[in-house]
Amino acid sequence: MKATLIKKMCPAMKDICKAIPVCPTGAIRYEADDREPLGGRIVIDAERCNECGLCVTECCGHAVVMA
């Protein structure tokens, strides 16, 4: 099961996202995008995900699930 983002639950703020720094494979990143309400979004690269689940534990918005 890979980490999956529930976009509507994600605060999409790179400065508070605890899931980004705990990911051992760098599968989670922030992408700036002016079309997004907060100016960017959190992205999970399923190819790089090693299914450790650390992101699920650390996500402040409970927006990451294993699916």
N, C-alpha and C. Protein backbone atom coordinates (compact mmCIF):
# COMPACT_ATOMS: atom_id res chain seq x y z
N MET A 1 0.84 -1.18 0.00
CA MET A 1 0.00 0.00 0.00
C MET A 1 0.88 1.24 0.00
N LYS A 2 0.58 2.16 -0.87
CA LYS A 2 1.37 3.38 -1.03
C LYS A 2 0.68 4.55 -0.33
N ALA A 3 1.48 5.54 0.04
CA ALA A 3 0.94 6.76 0.63
C ALA A 3 0.13 7.51 -0.41
N THR A 4 -1.04 7.98 0.01
CA THR A 4 -1.94 8.71 -0.86
C THR A 4 -2.40 9.96 -0.13
N LEU A 5 -2.49 11.07 -0.85
CA LEU A 5 -2.89 12.34 -0.26
C LEU A 5 -4.38 12.59 -0.49
N ILE A 6 -5.07 12.96 0.57
CA ILE A 6 -6.46 13.40 0.46
C ILE A 6 -6.39 14.93 0.37
N LYS A 7 -6.43 15.44 -0.85
CA LYS A 7 -6.15 16.85 -1.11
C LYS A 7 -7.03 17.81 -0.31
N LYS A 8 -8.31 17.51 -0.17
CA LYS A 8 -9.20 18.44 0.53
C LYS A 8 -8.88 18.55 2.02
N MET A 9 -8.12 17.62 2.57
CA MET A 9 -7.75 17.67 3.98
C MET A 9 -6.35 18.26 4.20
N CYS A 10 -5.62 18.46 3.12
CA CYS A 10 -4.23 18.90 3.22
C CYS A 10 -4.12 20.42 3.33
N PRO A 11 -3.44 20.93 4.38
CA PRO A 11 -3.23 22.37 4.51
C PRO A 11 -2.31 22.93 3.42
N ALA A 12 -1.52 22.07 2.79
CA ALA A 12 -0.61 22.46 1.69
C ALA A 12 0.31 23.62 2.06
N MET A 13 0.91 23.53 3.23
CA MET A 13 1.84 24.57 3.67
C MET A 13 3.18 23.92 3.98
N LYS A 14 4.16 24.19 3.13
CA LYS A 14 5.45 23.50 3.26
C LYS A 14 6.15 23.78 4.58
N ASP A 15 5.92 24.94 5.17
CA ASP A 15 6.60 25.29 6.42
C ASP A 15 6.08 24.50 7.62
N ILE A 16 4.86 23.98 7.54
CA ILE A 16 4.33 23.22 8.67
C ILE A 16 4.19 21.73 8.36
N CYS A 17 4.43 21.33 7.12
CA CYS A 17 4.26 19.93 6.72
C CYS A 17 5.37 19.07 7.33
N LYS A 18 4.99 18.24 8.30
CA LYS A 18 5.96 17.36 8.96
C LYS A 18 6.23 16.10 8.17
N ALA A 19 5.36 15.80 7.20
CA ALA A 19 5.53 14.59 6.40
C ALA A 19 6.71 14.70 5.43
N ILE A 20 6.99 15.89 4.94
CA ILE A 20 8.08 16.07 3.97
C ILE A 20 9.43 15.66 4.56
N PRO A 21 9.83 16.22 5.70
CA PRO A 21 11.17 15.88 6.20
C PRO A 21 11.32 14.46 6.75
N VAL A 22 10.22 13.81 7.14
CA VAL A 22 10.36 12.46 7.70
C VAL A 22 10.41 11.37 6.63
N CYS A 23 10.05 11.70 5.40
CA CYS A 23 10.03 10.68 4.34
C CYS A 23 11.46 10.27 3.99
N PRO A 24 11.81 9.00 4.24
CA PRO A 24 13.19 8.55 4.00
C PRO A 24 13.58 8.45 2.53
N THR A 25 12.60 8.45 1.64
CA THR A 25 12.91 8.32 0.21
C THR A 25 12.70 9.61 -0.57
N GLY A 26 12.24 10.66 0.11
CA GLY A 26 11.99 11.92 -0.57
C GLY A 26 10.78 11.87 -1.50
N ALA A 27 9.84 11.00 -1.19
CA ALA A 27 8.66 10.83 -2.04
C ALA A 27 7.64 11.96 -1.88
N ILE A 28 7.78 12.74 -0.82
CA ILE A 28 6.82 13.82 -0.56
C ILE A 28 7.53 15.15 -0.74
N ARG A 29 6.90 16.02 -1.52
CA ARG A 29 7.50 17.33 -1.77
C ARG A 29 6.41 18.39 -1.91
N TYR A 30 6.83 19.62 -1.84
CA TYR A 30 5.95 20.76 -2.05
C TYR A 30 6.21 21.32 -3.43
N GLU A 31 5.15 21.62 -4.16
CA GLU A 31 5.27 22.26 -5.47
C GLU A 31 4.51 23.57 -5.45
N ALA A 32 5.19 24.66 -5.76
CA ALA A 32 4.53 25.95 -5.87
C ALA A 32 3.62 25.92 -7.10
N ASP A 33 2.43 26.49 -6.96
CA ASP A 33 1.47 26.54 -8.06
C ASP A 33 0.49 27.67 -7.77
N ASP A 34 0.57 28.73 -8.55
CA ASP A 34 -0.29 29.89 -8.35
C ASP A 34 -1.77 29.58 -8.55
N ARG A 35 -2.08 28.48 -9.19
CA ARG A 35 -3.49 28.11 -9.39
C ARG A 35 -4.12 27.50 -8.15
N GLU A 36 -3.29 27.10 -7.19
CA GLU A 36 -3.79 26.53 -5.94
C GLU A 36 -4.16 27.65 -4.97
N PRO A 37 -5.20 27.46 -4.14
CA PRO A 37 -5.65 28.51 -3.22
C PRO A 37 -4.55 29.06 -2.31
N LEU A 38 -3.64 28.19 -1.85
CA LEU A 38 -2.58 28.65 -0.94
C LEU A 38 -1.25 28.82 -1.65
N GLY A 39 -1.27 28.78 -2.98
CA GLY A 39 -0.05 29.01 -3.74
C GLY A 39 0.81 27.79 -3.99
N GLY A 40 0.34 26.62 -3.61
CA GLY A 40 1.11 25.40 -3.85
C GLY A 40 0.37 24.18 -3.36
N ARG A 41 1.04 23.02 -3.50
CA ARG A 41 0.42 21.77 -3.09
C ARG A 41 1.50 20.78 -2.65
N ILE A 42 1.08 19.83 -1.85
CA ILE A 42 1.94 18.72 -1.44
C ILE A 42 1.72 17.60 -2.45
N VAL A 43 2.82 16.99 -2.89
CA VAL A 43 2.75 15.92 -3.89
C VAL A 43 3.45 14.68 -3.34
N ILE A 44 2.85 13.52 -3.56
CA ILE A 44 3.45 12.25 -3.16
C ILE A 44 3.77 11.46 -4.43
N ASP A 45 5.04 11.10 -4.57
CA ASP A 45 5.49 10.29 -5.71
C ASP A 45 5.39 8.82 -5.32
N ALA A 46 4.35 8.15 -5.82
CA ALA A 46 4.10 6.75 -5.46
C ALA A 46 5.25 5.83 -5.86
N GLU A 47 5.97 6.18 -6.90
CA GLU A 47 7.11 5.36 -7.36
C GLU A 47 8.23 5.34 -6.31
N ARG A 48 8.39 6.45 -5.60
CA ARG A 48 9.47 6.55 -4.60
C ARG A 48 9.04 6.09 -3.21
N CYS A 49 7.74 5.96 -2.99
CA CYS A 49 7.22 5.56 -1.67
C CYS A 49 7.64 4.14 -1.34
N ASN A 50 8.22 3.96 -0.14
CA ASN A 50 8.62 2.62 0.30
C ASN A 50 7.64 2.01 1.30
N GLU A 51 6.49 2.65 1.45
CA GLU A 51 5.39 2.14 2.28
C GLU A 51 5.71 2.09 3.77
N CYS A 52 6.58 2.95 4.25
CA CYS A 52 6.96 2.94 5.67
C CYS A 52 5.86 3.49 6.58
N GLY A 53 5.03 4.41 6.08
CA GLY A 53 3.94 4.96 6.86
C GLY A 53 4.30 6.12 7.77
N LEU A 54 5.54 6.57 7.76
CA LEU A 54 5.92 7.69 8.62
C LEU A 54 5.12 8.95 8.30
N CYS A 55 4.82 9.15 7.04
CA CYS A 55 4.07 10.33 6.62
C CYS A 55 2.65 10.33 7.20
N VAL A 56 2.06 9.16 7.31
CA VAL A 56 0.71 9.04 7.87
C VAL A 56 0.73 9.49 9.33
N THR A 57 1.73 9.06 10.06
CA THR A 57 1.87 9.42 11.47
C THR A 57 2.12 10.91 11.66
N GLU A 58 2.92 11.50 10.79
CA GLU A 58 3.34 12.89 10.97
C GLU A 58 2.44 13.94 10.33
N CYS A 59 1.58 13.57 9.42
CA CYS A 59 0.75 14.56 8.72
C CYS A 59 -0.16 15.30 9.69
N CYS A 60 -0.01 16.62 9.77
CA CYS A 60 -0.78 17.42 10.72
C CYS A 60 -2.25 17.53 10.34
N GLY A 61 -2.56 17.36 9.07
CA GLY A 61 -3.94 17.47 8.63
C GLY A 61 -4.65 16.14 8.46
N HIS A 62 -3.95 15.05 8.83
CA HIS A 62 -4.48 13.69 8.66
C HIS A 62 -4.90 13.46 7.21
N ALA A 63 -4.12 14.04 6.29
CA ALA A 63 -4.44 13.98 4.86
C ALA A 63 -3.71 12.88 4.12
N VAL A 64 -2.81 12.17 4.79
CA VAL A 64 -2.08 11.09 4.13
C VAL A 64 -2.57 9.76 4.67
N VAL A 65 -2.92 8.88 3.76
CA VAL A 65 -3.38 7.54 4.12
C VAL A 65 -2.63 6.52 3.28
N MET A 66 -2.60 5.30 3.74
CA MET A 66 -2.01 4.22 2.95
C MET A 66 -3.14 3.55 2.19
N ALA A 67 -3.02 3.55 0.88
CA ALA A 67 -4.09 2.95 0.06
C ALA A 67 -3.50 2.19 -1.11
